[in-house]
């Protein structure tokens, strides 16, 4: 086929495109069960103290996730997962 014929057979030509991406934490539930704020956002305490950058997510071996600062306060009173009541053992802390 000639180039001219190929040009005529095309339905459209892409002249410009913009890619859009979005990220999120690798979590089973997207809301911290302790403070009720989405884990992608800073917890209420970090928002009020202007420490949004320091607020990270912590996962337990039960695969439930919470803000690390919320869970740090929780385990002082109760060393169990707030959702499933399994013994709280940190699987990983992420940013």
PDB file of N, CA and C in Angstrom:
ATOM      1  N   UNK A   1       0.832  -1.180   0.000  1.00  0.00           N
ATOM      2  CA  UNK A   1       0.000   0.000   0.000  1.00  0.00           C
ATOM      3  C   UNK A   1       0.874   1.240   0.000  1.00  0.00           C
ATOM      4  N   UNK A   2       0.392   2.216  -0.672  1.00  0.00           N
ATOM      5  CA  UNK A   2       1.136   3.463  -0.686  1.00  0.00           C
ATOM      6  C   UNK A   2       0.824   4.270   0.567  1.00  0.00           C
ATOM      7  N   UNK A   3       1.716   5.197   0.881  1.00  0.00           N
ATOM      8  CA  UNK A   3       1.553   6.028   2.077  1.00  0.00           C
ATOM      9  C   UNK A   3       0.296   6.884   1.974  1.00  0.00           C
ATOM     10  N   UNK A   4      -0.021   7.370   0.806  1.00  0.00           N
ATOM     11  CA  UNK A   4      -1.213   8.212   0.627  1.00  0.00           C
ATOM     12  C   UNK A   4      -2.483   7.419   0.912  1.00  0.00           C
ATOM     13  N   UNK A   5      -2.531   6.175   0.483  1.00  0.00           N
ATOM     14  CA  UNK A   5      -3.714   5.337   0.696  1.00  0.00           C
ATOM     15  C   UNK A   5      -3.871   5.003   2.179  1.00  0.00           C
ATOM     16  N   UNK A   6      -2.745   4.749   2.858  1.00  0.00           N
ATOM     17  CA  UNK A   6      -2.788   4.485   4.296  1.00  0.00           C
ATOM     18  C   UNK A   6      -3.331   5.696   5.034  1.00  0.00           C
ATOM     19  N   UNK A   7      -2.902   6.891   4.636  1.00  0.00           N
ATOM     20  CA  UNK A   7      -3.374   8.123   5.265  1.00  0.00           C
ATOM     21  C   UNK A   7      -4.883   8.258   5.110  1.00  0.00           C
ATOM     22  N   UNK A   8      -5.425   7.929   3.974  1.00  0.00           N
ATOM     23  CA  UNK A   8      -6.861   8.070   3.724  1.00  0.00           C
ATOM     24  C   UNK A   8      -7.668   7.030   4.497  1.00  0.00           C
ATOM     25  N   UNK A   9      -7.117   5.848   4.772  1.00  0.00           N
ATOM     26  CA  UNK A   9      -7.832   4.778   5.456  1.00  0.00           C
ATOM     27  C   UNK A   9      -7.862   4.963   6.974  1.00  0.00           C
ATOM     28  N   UNK A  10      -7.017   5.792   7.528  1.00  0.00           N
ATOM     29  CA  UNK A  10      -7.010   6.021   8.971  1.00  0.00           C
ATOM     30  C   UNK A  10      -8.282   6.737   9.390  1.00  0.00           C
ATOM     31  N   UNK A  11      -8.860   6.295  10.509  1.00  0.00           N
ATOM     32  CA  UNK A  11     -10.050   6.942  11.036  1.00  0.00           C
ATOM     33  C   UNK A  11      -9.704   8.229  11.771  1.00  0.00           C
ATOM     34  N   UNK A  12      -8.588   8.198  12.471  1.00  0.00           N
ATOM     35  CA  UNK A  12      -8.158   9.388  13.193  1.00  0.00           C
ATOM     36  C   UNK A  12      -6.657   9.313  13.427  1.00  0.00           C
ATOM     37  N   UNK A  13      -6.096  10.429  13.801  1.00  0.00           N
ATOM     38  CA  UNK A  13      -4.686  10.515  14.120  1.00  0.00           C
ATOM     39  C   UNK A  13      -4.546  11.174  15.477  1.00  0.00           C
ATOM     40  N   UNK A  14      -3.774  10.557  16.348  1.00  0.00           N
ATOM     41  CA  UNK A  14      -3.541  11.128  17.670  1.00  0.00           C
ATOM     42  C   UNK A  14      -2.465  12.205  17.525  1.00  0.00           C
ATOM     43  N   UNK A  15      -2.854  13.419  17.857  1.00  0.00           N
ATOM     44  CA  UNK A  15      -1.917  14.535  17.749  1.00  0.00           C
ATOM     45  C   UNK A  15      -1.232  14.814  19.077  1.00  0.00           C
ATOM     46  N   UNK A  16      -1.957  14.601  20.179  1.00  0.00           N
ATOM     47  CA  UNK A  16      -1.405  14.885  21.492  1.00  0.00           C
ATOM     48  C   UNK A  16      -2.171  14.065  22.521  1.00  0.00           C
ATOM     49  N   UNK A  17      -1.467  13.615  23.573  1.00  0.00           N
ATOM     50  CA  UNK A  17      -2.136  12.933  24.676  1.00  0.00           C
ATOM     51  C   UNK A  17      -1.391  13.208  25.963  1.00  0.00           C
ATOM     52  N   UNK A  18      -2.112  13.161  27.060  1.00  0.00           N
ATOM     53  CA  UNK A  18      -1.535  13.397  28.380  1.00  0.00           C
ATOM     54  C   UNK A  18      -1.819  12.194  29.261  1.00  0.00           C
ATOM     55  N   UNK A  19      -0.798  11.668  29.903  1.00  0.00           N
ATOM     56  CA  UNK A  19      -0.972  10.537  30.811  1.00  0.00           C
ATOM     57  C   UNK A  19      -1.306  11.070  32.203  1.00  0.00           C
ATOM     58  N   UNK A  20      -2.205  10.387  32.883  1.00  0.00           N
ATOM     59  CA  UNK A  20      -2.587  10.745  34.244  1.00  0.00           C
ATOM     60  C   UNK A  20      -2.376   9.515  35.110  1.00  0.00           C
ATOM     61  N   UNK A  21      -1.746   9.692  36.264  1.00  0.00           N
ATOM     62  CA  UNK A  21      -1.490   8.569  37.166  1.00  0.00           C
ATOM     63  C   UNK A  21      -2.000   8.904  38.557  1.00  0.00           C
ATOM     64  N   UNK A  22      -2.286   7.854  39.320  1.00  0.00           N
ATOM     65  CA  UNK A  22      -2.745   8.036  40.684  1.00  0.00           C
ATOM     66  C   UNK A  22      -2.116   6.949  41.535  1.00  0.00           C
ATOM     67  N   UNK A  23      -1.775   7.258  42.775  1.00  0.00           N
ATOM     68  CA  UNK A  23      -1.167   6.262  43.652  1.00  0.00           C
ATOM     69  C   UNK A  23      -2.039   6.085  44.880  1.00  0.00           C
ATOM     70  N   UNK A  24      -1.854   4.980  45.550  1.00  0.00           N
ATOM     71  CA  UNK A  24      -2.522   4.748  46.824  1.00  0.00           C
ATOM     72  C   UNK A  24      -1.706   3.734  47.610  1.00  0.00           C
ATOM     73  N   UNK A  25      -1.915   3.695  48.920  1.00  0.00           N
ATOM     74  CA  UNK A  25      -1.263   2.707  49.763  1.00  0.00           C
ATOM     75  C   UNK A  25      -1.791   1.328  49.408  1.00  0.00           C
ATOM     76  N   UNK A  26      -0.966   0.318  49.559  1.00  0.00           N
ATOM     77  CA  UNK A  26      -1.365  -1.061  49.308  1.00  0.00           C
ATOM     78  C   UNK A  26      -2.068  -1.577  50.561  1.00  0.00           C
ATOM     79  N   UNK A  27      -3.352  -1.226  50.698  1.00  0.00           N
ATOM     80  CA  UNK A  27      -4.080  -1.555  51.909  1.00  0.00           C
ATOM     81  C   UNK A  27      -5.371  -2.279  51.590  1.00  0.00           C
ATOM     82  N   UNK A  28      -5.802  -3.106  52.536  1.00  0.00           N
ATOM     83  CA  UNK A  28      -7.063  -3.819  52.393  1.00  0.00           C
ATOM     84  C   UNK A  28      -8.236  -2.874  52.617  1.00  0.00           C
ATOM     85  N   UNK A  29      -8.116  -2.023  53.603  1.00  0.00           N
ATOM     86  CA  UNK A  29      -9.142  -1.046  53.939  1.00  0.00           C
ATOM     87  C   UNK A  29      -8.511   0.332  53.844  1.00  0.00           C
ATOM     88  N   UNK A  30      -9.175   1.273  53.185  1.00  0.00           N
ATOM     89  CA  UNK A  30      -8.543   2.563  52.961  1.00  0.00           C
ATOM     90  C   UNK A  30      -8.797   3.585  54.063  1.00  0.00           C
ATOM     91  N   UNK A  31      -9.443   3.182  55.152  1.00  0.00           N
ATOM     92  CA  UNK A  31      -9.710   4.088  56.266  1.00  0.00           C
ATOM     93  C   UNK A  31      -9.098   3.542  57.544  1.00  0.00           C
ATOM     94  N   UNK A  32      -8.419   4.397  58.282  1.00  0.00           N
ATOM     95  CA  UNK A  32      -7.857   4.016  59.577  1.00  0.00           C
ATOM     96  C   UNK A  32      -9.026   3.828  60.549  1.00  0.00           C
ATOM     97  N   UNK A  33      -9.140   2.653  61.122  1.00  0.00           N
ATOM     98  CA  UNK A  33     -10.257   2.355  62.022  1.00  0.00           C
ATOM     99  C   UNK A  33     -10.146   3.086  63.352  1.00  0.00           C
ATOM    100  N   UNK A  34      -9.006   3.666  63.645  1.00  0.00           N
ATOM    101  CA  UNK A  34      -8.815   4.363  64.913  1.00  0.00           C
ATOM    102  C   UNK A  34      -9.268   5.817  64.800  1.00  0.00           C
ATOM    103  N   UNK A  35      -8.778   6.533  63.793  1.00  0.00           N
ATOM    104  CA  UNK A  35      -9.132   7.959  63.666  1.00  0.00           C
ATOM    105  C   UNK A  35     -10.196   8.222  62.601  1.00  0.00           C
ATOM    106  N   UNK A  36     -10.544   7.205  61.799  1.00  0.00           N
ATOM    107  CA  UNK A  36     -11.571   7.303  60.754  1.00  0.00           C
ATOM    108  C   UNK A  36     -11.193   8.228  59.598  1.00  0.00           C
ATOM    109  N   UNK A  37      -9.889   8.432  59.374  1.00  0.00           N
ATOM    110  CA  UNK A  37      -9.402   9.230  58.251  1.00  0.00           C
ATOM    111  C   UNK A  37      -8.763   8.266  57.250  1.00  0.00           C
ATOM    112  N   UNK A  38      -8.858   8.568  55.961  1.00  0.00           N
ATOM    113  CA  UNK A  38      -8.236   7.707  54.956  1.00  0.00           C
ATOM    114  C   UNK A  38      -6.739   7.591  55.216  1.00  0.00           C
ATOM    115  N   UNK A  39      -6.202   6.384  55.045  1.00  0.00           N
ATOM    116  CA  UNK A  39      -4.782   6.167  55.332  1.00  0.00           C
ATOM    117  C   UNK A  39      -3.878   6.884  54.330  1.00  0.00           C
ATOM    118  N   UNK A  40      -4.382   7.275  53.182  1.00  0.00           N
ATOM    119  CA  UNK A  40      -3.587   8.047  52.224  1.00  0.00           C
ATOM    120  C   UNK A  40      -3.352   9.467  52.738  1.00  0.00           C
ATOM    121  N   UNK A  41      -4.226   9.941  53.610  1.00  0.00           N
ATOM    122  CA  UNK A  41      -4.087  11.273  54.192  1.00  0.00           C
ATOM    123  C   UNK A  41      -3.443  11.161  55.566  1.00  0.00           C
ATOM    124  N   UNK A  42      -2.976  12.260  56.076  1.00  0.00           N
ATOM    125  CA  UNK A  42      -2.412  12.284  57.425  1.00  0.00           C
ATOM    126  C   UNK A  42      -3.541  12.140  58.446  1.00  0.00           C
ATOM    127  N   UNK A  43      -3.234  11.548  59.594  1.00  0.00           N
ATOM    128  CA  UNK A  43      -4.229  11.398  60.651  1.00  0.00           C
ATOM    129  C   UNK A  43      -4.569  12.770  61.234  1.00  0.00           C
ATOM    130  N   UNK A  44      -5.599  12.823  62.043  1.00  0.00           N
ATOM    131  CA  UNK A  44      -6.043  14.095  62.600  1.00  0.00           C
ATOM    132  C   UNK A  44      -4.962  14.767  63.448  1.00  0.00           C
ATOM    133  N   UNK A  45      -4.242  13.979  64.227  1.00  0.00           N
ATOM    134  CA  UNK A  45      -3.186  14.540  65.072  1.00  0.00           C
ATOM    135  C   UNK A  45      -2.086  15.165  64.216  1.00  0.00           C
ATOM    136  N   UNK A  46      -1.643  14.475  63.189  1.00  0.00           N
ATOM    137  CA  UNK A  46      -0.583  15.004  62.322  1.00  0.00           C
ATOM    138  C   UNK A  46      -1.078  16.208  61.519  1.00  0.00           C
ATOM    139  N   UNK A  47      -2.345  16.214  61.139  1.00  0.00           N
ATOM    140  CA  UNK A  47      -2.895  17.380  60.432  1.00  0.00           C
ATOM    141  C   UNK A  47      -2.881  18.607  61.332  1.00  0.00           C
ATOM    142  N   UNK A  48      -3.256  18.430  62.590  1.00  0.00           N
ATOM    143  CA  UNK A  48      -3.299  19.576  63.505  1.00  0.00           C
ATOM    144  C   UNK A  48      -1.906  20.050  63.904  1.00  0.00           C
ATOM    145  N   UNK A  49      -0.930  19.157  63.915  1.00  0.00           N
ATOM    146  CA  UNK A  49       0.449  19.515  64.278  1.00  0.00           C
ATOM    147  C   UNK A  49       1.312  19.858  63.060  1.00  0.00           C
ATOM    148  N   UNK A  50       0.696  19.915  61.873  1.00  0.00           N
ATOM    149  CA  UNK A  50       1.419  20.178  60.624  1.00  0.00           C
ATOM    150  C   UNK A  50       2.561  19.196  60.399  1.00  0.00           C
ATOM    151  N   UNK A  51       2.288  17.916  60.618  1.00  0.00           N
ATOM    152  CA  UNK A  51       3.287  16.860  60.408  1.00  0.00           C
ATOM    153  C   UNK A  51       2.804  15.873  59.351  1.00  0.00           C
ATOM    154  N   UNK A  52       2.121  16.366  58.315  1.00  0.00           N
ATOM    155  CA  UNK A  52       1.550  15.490  57.301  1.00  0.00           C
ATOM    156  C   UNK A  52       2.582  14.590  56.642  1.00  0.00           C
ATOM    157  N   UNK A  53       3.791  15.097  56.449  1.00  0.00           N
ATOM    158  CA  UNK A  53       4.831  14.322  55.769  1.00  0.00           C
ATOM    159  C   UNK A  53       5.324  13.150  56.613  1.00  0.00           C
ATOM    160  N   UNK A  54       5.182  13.241  57.919  1.00  0.00           N
ATOM    161  CA  UNK A  54       5.695  12.204  58.822  1.00  0.00           C
ATOM    162  C   UNK A  54       4.684  11.088  59.072  1.00  0.00           C
ATOM    163  N   UNK A  55       3.454  11.277  58.675  1.00  0.00           N
ATOM    164  CA  UNK A  55       2.392  10.305  58.951  1.00  0.00           C
ATOM    165  C   UNK A  55       2.472   9.156  57.942  1.00  0.00           C
ATOM    166  N   UNK A  56       2.819   7.965  58.418  1.00  0.00           N
ATOM    167  CA  UNK A  56       2.977   6.795  57.550  1.00  0.00           C
ATOM    168  C   UNK A  56       1.990   5.708  57.964  1.00  0.00           C
ATOM    169  N   UNK A  57       1.887   4.698  57.142  1.00  0.00           N
ATOM    170  CA  UNK A  57       0.972   3.579  57.373  1.00  0.00           C
ATOM    171  C   UNK A  57       1.733   2.406  57.970  1.00  0.00           C
ATOM    172  N   UNK A  58       1.094   1.693  58.887  1.00  0.00           N
ATOM    173  CA  UNK A  58       1.670   0.478  59.466  1.00  0.00           C
ATOM    174  C   UNK A  58       0.713  -0.678  59.187  1.00  0.00           C
ATOM    175  N   UNK A  59       1.271  -1.812  58.763  1.00  0.00           N
ATOM    176  CA  UNK A  59       0.491  -3.015  58.501  1.00  0.00           C
ATOM    177  C   UNK A  59       0.798  -4.036  59.579  1.00  0.00           C
ATOM    178  N   UNK A  60      -0.219  -4.729  60.041  1.00  0.00           N
ATOM    179  CA  UNK A  60      -0.023  -5.818  60.978  1.00  0.00           C
ATOM    180  C   UNK A  60       0.055  -7.142  60.248  1.00  0.00           C
ATOM    181  N   UNK A  61       0.440  -8.183  60.952  1.00  0.00           N
ATOM    182  CA  UNK A  61       0.473  -9.515  60.339  1.00  0.00           C
ATOM    183  C   UNK A  61      -0.917  -9.979  59.915  1.00  0.00           C
ATOM    184  N   UNK A  62      -1.946  -9.367  60.491  1.00  0.00           N
ATOM    185  CA  UNK A  62      -3.327  -9.692  60.110  1.00  0.00           C
ATOM    186  C   UNK A  62      -3.734  -8.971  58.829  1.00  0.00           C
ATOM    187  N   UNK A  63      -2.822  -8.189  58.228  1.00  0.00           N
ATOM    188  CA  UNK A  63      -3.028  -7.406  56.997  1.00  0.00           C
ATOM    189  C   UNK A  63      -3.951  -6.215  57.164  1.00  0.00           C
ATOM    190  N   UNK A  64      -4.265  -5.816  58.381  1.00  0.00           N
ATOM    191  CA  UNK A  64      -4.999  -4.576  58.602  1.00  0.00           C
ATOM    192  C   UNK A  64      -3.997  -3.437  58.688  1.00  0.00           C
ATOM    193  N   UNK A  65      -4.407  -2.256  58.249  1.00  0.00           N
ATOM    194  CA  UNK A  65      -3.492  -1.118  58.217  1.00  0.00           C
ATOM    195  C   UNK A  65      -4.095   0.078  58.934  1.00  0.00           C
ATOM    196  N   UNK A  66      -3.217   0.877  59.520  1.00  0.00           N
ATOM    197  CA  UNK A  66      -3.605   2.049  60.289  1.00  0.00           C
ATOM    198  C   UNK A  66      -2.505   3.092  60.143  1.00  0.00           C
ATOM    199  N   UNK A  67      -2.790   4.311  60.560  1.00  0.00           N
ATOM    200  CA  UNK A  67      -1.719   5.299  60.674  1.00  0.00           C
ATOM    201  C   UNK A  67      -0.793   4.824  61.791  1.00  0.00           C
ATOM    202  N   UNK A  68       0.494   4.934  61.584  1.00  0.00           N
ATOM    203  CA  UNK A  68       1.452   4.468  62.585  1.00  0.00           C
ATOM    204  C   UNK A  68       1.293   5.225  63.902  1.00  0.00           C
ATOM    205  N   UNK A  69       1.061   6.544  63.840  1.00  0.00           N
ATOM    206  CA  UNK A  69       0.915   7.317  65.081  1.00  0.00           C
ATOM    207  C   UNK A  69      -0.364   6.927  65.821  1.00  0.00           C
ATOM    208  N   UNK A  70      -1.444   6.600  65.107  1.00  0.00           N
ATOM    209  CA  UNK A  70      -2.683   6.143  65.761  1.00  0.00           C
ATOM    210  C   UNK A  70      -2.453   4.796  66.445  1.00  0.00           C
ATOM    211  N   UNK A  71      -1.786   3.892  65.726  1.00  0.00           N
ATOM    212  CA  UNK A  71      -1.556   2.553  66.266  1.00  0.00           C
ATOM    213  C   UNK A  71      -0.576   2.588  67.430  1.00  0.00           C
ATOM    214  N   UNK A  72       0.384   3.496  67.404  1.00  0.00           N
ATOM    215  CA  UNK A  72       1.342   3.615  68.510  1.00  0.00           C
ATOM    216  C   UNK A  72       0.628   3.958  69.809  1.00  0.00           C
ATOM    217  N   UNK A  73      -0.350   4.829  69.728  1.00  0.00           N
ATOM    218  CA  UNK A  73      -1.127   5.169  70.920  1.00  0.00           C
ATOM    219  C   UNK A  73      -2.067   4.029  71.321  1.00  0.00           C
ATOM    220  N   UNK A  74      -2.614   3.328  70.332  1.00  0.00           N
ATOM    221  CA  UNK A  74      -3.552   2.234  70.595  1.00  0.00           C
ATOM    222  C   UNK A  74      -2.871   1.103  71.371  1.00  0.00           C
ATOM    223  N   UNK A  75      -1.679   0.705  70.965  1.00  0.00           N
ATOM    224  CA  UNK A  75      -1.024  -0.461  71.578  1.00  0.00           C
ATOM    225  C   UNK A  75      -0.575  -0.196  73.009  1.00  0.00           C
ATOM    226  N   UNK A  76      -0.521   1.074  73.414  1.00  0.00           N
ATOM    227  CA  UNK A  76      -0.194   1.381  74.809  1.00  0.00           C
ATOM    228  C   UNK A  76      -1.294   0.835  75.724  1.00  0.00           C
ATOM    229  N   UNK A  77      -2.546   0.923  75.265  1.00  0.00           N
ATOM    230  CA  UNK A  77      -3.680   0.462  76.069  1.00  0.00           C
ATOM    231  C   UNK A  77      -4.106  -0.968  75.746  1.00  0.00           C
ATOM    232  N   UNK A  78      -3.927  -1.384  74.483  1.00  0.00           N
ATOM    233  CA  UNK A  78      -4.419  -2.684  74.051  1.00  0.00           C
ATOM    234  C   UNK A  78      -3.528  -3.187  72.925  1.00  0.00           C
ATOM    235  N   UNK A  79      -2.830  -4.283  73.120  1.00  0.00           N
ATOM    236  CA  UNK A  79      -1.903  -4.800  72.118  1.00  0.00           C
ATOM    237  C   UNK A  79      -2.587  -5.753  71.140  1.00  0.00           C
ATOM    238  N   UNK A  80      -3.799  -5.410  70.734  1.00  0.00           N
ATOM    239  CA  UNK A  80      -4.552  -6.213  69.764  1.00  0.00           C
ATOM    240  C   UNK A  80      -4.997  -5.328  68.610  1.00  0.00           C
ATOM    241  N   UNK A  81      -5.190  -5.941  67.458  1.00  0.00           N
ATOM    242  CA  UNK A  81      -5.684  -5.215  66.289  1.00  0.00           C
ATOM    243  C   UNK A  81      -7.089  -4.684  66.592  1.00  0.00           C
ATOM    244  N   UNK A  82      -7.369  -3.423  66.315  1.00  0.00           N
ATOM    245  CA  UNK A  82      -8.695  -2.868  66.590  1.00  0.00           C
ATOM    246  C   UNK A  82      -9.810  -3.513  65.765  1.00  0.00           C
ATOM    247  N   UNK A  83      -9.463  -4.132  64.634  1.00  0.00           N
ATOM    248  CA  UNK A  83     -10.493  -4.705  63.774  1.00  0.00           C
ATOM    249  C   UNK A  83     -10.767  -6.189  64.033  1.00  0.00           C
ATOM    250  N   UNK A  84      -9.703  -6.977  64.168  1.00  0.00           N
ATOM    251  CA  UNK A  84      -9.908  -8.429  64.292  1.00  0.00           C
ATOM    252  C   UNK A  84      -9.519  -8.985  65.657  1.00  0.00           C
ATOM    253  N   UNK A  85      -8.969  -8.148  66.520  1.00  0.00           N
ATOM    254  CA  UNK A  85      -8.564  -8.524  67.874  1.00  0.00           C
ATOM    255  C   UNK A  85      -7.427  -9.546  67.931  1.00  0.00           C
ATOM    256  N   UNK A  86      -6.725  -9.743  66.822  1.00  0.00           N
ATOM    257  CA  UNK A  86      -5.545 -10.610  66.836  1.00  0.00           C
ATOM    258  C   UNK A  86      -4.410  -9.864  67.551  1.00  0.00           C
ATOM    259  N   UNK A  87      -3.471 -10.599  68.130  1.00  0.00           N
ATOM    260  CA  UNK A  87      -2.311  -9.952  68.749  1.00  0.00           C
ATOM    261  C   UNK A  87      -1.626  -9.070  67.706  1.00  0.00           C
ATOM    262  N   UNK A  88      -1.317  -7.835  68.079  1.00  0.00           N
ATOM    263  CA  UNK A  88      -0.726  -6.896  67.127  1.00  0.00           C
ATOM    264  C   UNK A  88       0.762  -7.162  66.961  1.00  0.00           C
ATOM    265  N   UNK A  89       1.139  -7.545  65.748  1.00  0.00           N
ATOM    266  CA  UNK A  89       2.540  -7.739  65.384  1.00  0.00           C
ATOM    267  C   UNK A  89       2.738  -6.975  64.087  1.00  0.00           C
ATOM    268  N   UNK A  90       3.688  -6.054  64.084  1.00  0.00           N
ATOM    269  CA  UNK A  90       3.936  -5.223  62.905  1.00  0.00           C
ATOM    270  C   UNK A  90       4.532  -6.068  61.790  1.00  0.00           C
ATOM    271  N   UNK A  91       3.903  -5.997  60.634  1.00  0.00           N
ATOM    272  CA  UNK A  91       4.414  -6.676  59.452  1.00  0.00           C
ATOM    273  C   UNK A  91       5.370  -5.749  58.704  1.00  0.00           C
ATOM    274  N   UNK A  92       4.949  -4.497  58.507  1.00  0.00           N
ATOM    275  CA  UNK A  92       5.804  -3.509  57.853  1.00  0.00           C
ATOM    276  C   UNK A  92       5.270  -2.100  58.086  1.00  0.00           C
ATOM    277  N   UNK A  93       6.166  -1.153  57.978  1.00  0.00           N
ATOM    278  CA  UNK A  93       5.813   0.257  58.071  1.00  0.00           C
ATOM    279  C   UNK A  93       6.212   0.881  56.763  1.00  0.00           C
ATOM    280  N   UNK A  94       5.301   1.599  56.147  1.00  0.00           N
ATOM    281  CA  UNK A  94       5.588   2.124  54.811  1.00  0.00           C
ATOM    282  C   UNK A  94       5.395   3.614  54.708  1.00  0.00           C
ATOM    283  N   UNK A  95       5.893   4.140  53.637  1.00  0.00           N
ATOM    284  CA  UNK A  95       5.731   5.557  53.340  1.00  0.00           C
ATOM    285  C   UNK A  95       5.064   5.682  52.006  1.00  0.00           C
TER     286      UNK A  95
END
